[in-house]
Structures are given as C-alpha cells and as structure tokens.
Amino acid sequence: MSRVLHLIVCGAGPAGQVTDMVELARQDGWDTYCIVTEAAAEHFVDLDELGKISGHQVRTTYRAVGDDPVPPADAVIVAPATYNTINKWAAGVADNYALTQLAELTGAGVRIVAVPFVNQALAANAVFLRSVESLRASGVRVLFGPGEFEPHPPRTGGSALDAFPWKLALQAASYRPPARNVSGAVSDEQ
C-alpha cells in the first residue's frame, strides 16, 4: 500500500521542476496529490502534465461537486515555499486553499516538510526568520540553513534551480523517528 504525500507547490522558480519531484516520490513508494497555488499555476506549472504524471487531479482551490476527495496525508512537502507562504502560514492566515490545508494539517500533527526558495535579502528579514522559527516550534521540519536550502543572492534565482533540495525534502518526509517505550528509551520496534 502506497503512502500518501500531499505536495504543495508555491509560485517560485523550482515549481517548474515539480514533475521531477513527483517522479522521485513515486520511486520511493509515495502516491502524490498536488496542491498548486494560483501563482504557481499561472507562471510555473503545467497542471495537465502534472495531473498525468501524478495520476490525480491537481488542486488549486477547494473541491467542487464531482471532484474526488484528496485522501488523508501520511506526509506533506511544501516546496518551493515562498516568502509570502512561509510568513502567512506562520501567522495563521488561511486566505487560499493551500494555506487552509497547511493550517489544518499543521494542527492535525501531520509530518510536514517545508523547503523555502528565497533570496538572501528576503531570508535576512526578521519577519521571515521569526516565521521559520514559529513553524519549527509547531512541528514543521523547515529545510533552511547550512546543508539544506541556502538562500541565493537577489536576482540570481535562476542559477539556483538545479541545487534545489527535492531529494532532501523527500528524505525528511520519509524519516520516522525511533520508537520510544514508556520510559522514554529508544526501542528497536517500529
């Protein structure tokens, strides 16, 4: 039985490579359901192609009558996560379908991995840094910092696309912490 992955795609350069992520997820045993923000759909993602590759309808908004429901997620990857999405999500703003799903899934304790795609100037903004820490405090695994996603200089995002850590995001989504017994000791049973 496949694990269900919700892949939330925001409007930034790596979104144009999201089909590569869906293929990686399939190879790792995930059944991927994609939620694409309006900006990503308008500027970066071919929704028909993504639907064919994932095997599922791509969502950009709430379910309409006749649409198949999206099954519950075993894990969520938000990639690329924009400056706007990170800040709104951390502040509890749910003014579009993707943010509403993130608010609900965060509150439900589902494993969520977020990979920002921001430049160095945006990443240095105190609001963004507080938002990252707030999401981490809520249990979100934010891949931001040395060895994870490292911001690029302003106006050089195109040259940073090939280094976007899709595989690292998938590894983080698949990670299962060791089981602990009632005493808190790590157990071999998982």
Protein backbone atom coordinates (compact mmCIF):
# COMPACT_ATOMS: atom_id res chain seq x y z
CA MET A 1 0.00 0.00 0.00
CA SER A 2 1.41 3.39 -1.02
CA ARG A 3 1.95 6.20 1.41
CA VAL A 4 0.03 9.38 0.57
CA LEU A 5 2.04 12.55 0.04
CA HIS A 6 0.49 15.98 -0.33
CA LEU A 7 2.84 18.15 -2.36
CA ILE A 8 2.06 21.86 -2.01
CA VAL A 9 3.72 23.92 -4.72
CA CYS A 10 4.12 27.70 -4.47
CA GLY A 11 4.99 30.22 -7.19
CA ALA A 12 8.78 30.22 -7.35
CA GLY A 13 11.34 29.00 -9.88
CA PRO A 14 11.69 25.38 -8.71
CA ALA A 15 7.93 24.89 -9.22
CA GLY A 16 8.75 24.39 -12.90
CA GLN A 17 10.59 21.19 -11.88
CA VAL A 18 7.82 19.75 -9.72
CA THR A 19 7.25 16.81 -12.07
CA ASP A 20 10.76 15.63 -11.16
CA MET A 21 9.70 15.60 -7.50
CA VAL A 22 6.58 13.57 -8.28
CA GLU A 23 8.74 11.00 -10.10
CA LEU A 24 11.17 10.82 -7.16
CA ALA A 25 8.26 10.33 -4.78
CA ARG A 26 6.76 7.57 -6.92
CA GLN A 27 10.11 5.75 -6.96
CA ASP A 28 10.14 5.99 -3.15
CA GLY A 29 6.67 4.48 -2.80
CA TRP A 30 4.57 7.64 -2.43
CA ASP A 31 1.20 8.30 -4.08
CA THR A 32 1.39 12.06 -4.64
CA TYR A 33 -1.50 14.52 -4.61
CA CYS A 34 -0.55 18.02 -5.72
CA ILE A 35 -1.92 21.31 -4.47
CA VAL A 36 -0.66 24.25 -6.52
CA THR A 37 -1.05 27.91 -5.58
CA GLU A 38 -2.55 30.28 -8.13
CA ALA A 39 0.82 31.96 -8.72
CA ALA A 40 2.49 28.61 -9.37
CA ALA A 41 -0.30 27.56 -11.72
CA GLU A 42 -0.19 30.84 -13.61
CA HIS A 43 3.58 31.15 -14.03
CA PHE A 44 5.38 27.85 -13.46
CA VAL A 45 3.34 24.63 -13.56
CA ASP A 46 1.58 22.84 -16.42
CA LEU A 47 -1.41 21.49 -14.47
CA ASP A 48 -2.42 18.96 -17.14
CA GLU A 49 1.08 17.49 -17.31
CA LEU A 50 1.36 17.39 -13.52
CA GLY A 51 -2.01 15.64 -13.28
CA LYS A 52 -0.93 13.00 -15.80
CA ILE A 53 2.36 12.35 -14.02
CA SER A 54 0.83 12.23 -10.54
CA GLY A 55 -2.22 10.28 -11.71
CA HIS A 56 -4.51 12.63 -9.81
CA GLN A 57 -6.41 15.86 -10.34
CA VAL A 58 -4.25 18.82 -9.33
CA ARG A 59 -5.95 21.13 -6.87
CA THR A 60 -5.65 24.89 -6.99
CA THR A 61 -8.79 25.62 -5.00
CA TYR A 62 -11.42 23.96 -2.85
CA ARG A 63 -13.12 20.78 -4.06
CA ALA A 64 -16.06 21.30 -6.39
CA VAL A 65 -19.04 19.00 -6.65
CA GLY A 66 -17.90 15.90 -8.53
CA ASP A 67 -14.21 16.28 -7.66
CA ASP A 68 -12.61 13.30 -5.97
CA PRO A 69 -11.63 13.96 -2.37
CA VAL A 70 -7.93 14.01 -1.55
CA PRO A 71 -7.10 11.18 0.85
CA PRO A 72 -5.51 11.96 4.22
CA ALA A 73 -1.78 12.65 4.06
CA ASP A 74 0.90 10.50 5.61
CA ALA A 75 3.25 13.43 4.99
CA VAL A 76 3.28 16.85 3.34
CA ILE A 77 6.02 18.63 1.42
CA VAL A 78 5.72 22.36 0.76
CA ALA A 79 8.21 23.11 -1.99
CA PRO A 80 9.14 25.57 -3.15
CA ALA A 81 7.74 27.56 -0.23
CA THR A 82 7.77 31.28 -0.95
CA TYR A 83 8.47 34.13 1.43
CA ASN A 84 4.79 35.02 1.29
CA THR A 85 3.57 31.50 2.05
CA ILE A 86 6.02 30.95 4.93
CA ASN A 87 5.01 34.24 6.59
CA LYS A 88 1.26 33.81 6.09
CA TRP A 89 1.33 30.18 7.23
CA ALA A 90 3.25 31.04 10.40
CA ALA A 91 0.82 33.90 11.12
CA GLY A 92 -2.19 31.60 10.73
CA VAL A 93 -3.51 33.27 7.60
CA ALA A 94 -5.66 30.88 5.55
CA ASP A 95 -6.76 33.02 2.62
CA ASN A 96 -6.33 30.40 -0.11
CA TYR A 97 -6.71 26.65 -0.48
CA ALA A 98 -3.04 25.78 0.07
CA LEU A 99 -2.79 27.85 3.27
CA THR A 100 -6.08 26.45 4.58
CA GLN A 101 -4.74 22.93 4.05
CA LEU A 102 -1.46 23.82 5.75
CA ALA A 103 -3.25 25.33 8.74
CA GLU A 104 -5.35 22.20 9.15
CA LEU A 105 -2.54 19.71 8.57
CA THR A 106 -0.21 21.55 10.96
CA GLY A 107 -2.89 21.49 13.65
CA ALA A 108 -3.50 17.77 13.00
CA GLY A 109 0.16 16.97 13.62
CA VAL A 110 0.84 15.51 10.17
CA ARG A 111 4.53 15.32 9.26
CA ILE A 112 5.25 18.45 7.20
CA VAL A 113 8.48 19.40 5.47
CA ALA A 114 8.88 22.91 4.04
CA VAL A 115 11.65 23.97 1.66
CA PRO A 116 11.82 27.74 1.20
CA PHE A 117 13.04 29.33 -2.02
CA VAL A 118 14.04 32.86 -1.08
CA ASN A 119 16.96 35.12 -1.81
CA GLN A 120 19.47 36.29 0.80
CA ALA A 121 17.76 39.65 1.32
CA LEU A 122 14.36 38.07 2.00
CA ALA A 123 15.94 35.38 4.17
CA ALA A 124 17.63 38.05 6.32
CA ASN A 125 14.30 39.73 7.06
CA ALA A 126 13.46 39.37 10.77
CA VAL A 127 9.82 38.58 9.94
CA PHE A 128 10.87 35.63 7.79
CA LEU A 129 13.28 34.30 10.43
CA ARG A 130 10.56 34.53 13.11
CA SER A 131 8.16 32.72 10.79
CA VAL A 132 10.62 29.88 10.20
CA GLU A 133 11.14 29.51 13.96
CA SER A 134 7.38 29.63 14.57
CA LEU A 135 6.78 26.84 12.05
CA ARG A 136 9.57 24.77 13.58
CA ALA A 137 8.01 25.26 17.02
CA SER A 138 4.76 23.93 15.55
CA GLY A 139 6.50 20.73 14.45
CA VAL A 140 7.19 21.64 10.81
CA ARG A 141 10.57 20.48 9.50
CA VAL A 142 11.85 23.57 7.68
CA LEU A 143 14.87 22.78 5.49
CA PHE A 144 16.61 26.12 5.80
CA GLY A 145 20.24 26.63 6.67
CA PRO A 146 23.64 25.08 6.00
CA GLY A 147 23.38 21.73 4.25
CA GLU A 148 19.71 22.31 3.45
CA PHE A 149 18.26 25.17 1.43
CA GLU A 150 20.71 28.06 1.40
CA PRO A 151 19.46 31.39 0.01
CA HIS A 152 20.96 32.81 -3.17
CA PRO A 153 21.87 36.45 -3.90
CA PRO A 154 18.95 38.62 -5.07
CA ARG A 155 18.04 38.27 -8.76
CA THR A 156 20.04 35.03 -9.18
CA GLY A 157 17.28 32.51 -8.50
CA GLY A 158 17.55 31.04 -11.98
CA SER A 159 21.07 29.88 -11.27
CA ALA A 160 19.95 28.23 -8.01
CA LEU A 161 17.28 25.96 -9.51
CA ASP A 162 19.49 22.92 -10.05
CA ALA A 163 20.58 22.96 -6.40
CA PHE A 164 17.02 22.91 -5.03
CA PRO A 165 16.95 20.06 -2.48
CA TRP A 166 13.99 17.95 -3.72
CA LYS A 167 15.65 14.68 -2.61
CA LEU A 168 16.40 16.06 0.84
CA ALA A 169 12.74 17.08 1.21
CA LEU A 170 11.63 13.57 0.32
CA GLN A 171 14.11 12.03 2.76
CA ALA A 172 12.84 14.32 5.52
CA ALA A 173 9.22 13.40 4.74
CA SER A 174 10.10 9.70 4.91
CA TYR A 175 12.01 9.95 8.20
CA ARG A 176 10.48 8.04 11.08
CA PRO A 177 11.97 8.82 14.48
CA PRO A 178 12.90 5.78 16.58
CA ALA A 179 10.03 4.43 18.68
CA ARG A 180 10.25 5.09 22.41
CA ASN A 181 8.90 2.89 25.16
CA VAL A 182 7.03 4.20 28.20
CA SER A 183 10.28 5.02 29.99
CA GLY A 184 11.37 7.19 27.06
CA ALA A 185 14.13 4.83 25.97
CA VAL A 186 14.61 4.17 22.27
CA SER A 187 13.12 0.84 21.21
CA ASP A 188 14.10 -1.39 18.29
CA GLU A 189 10.42 -1.89 17.47
CA GLN A 190 8.94 0.44 14.86
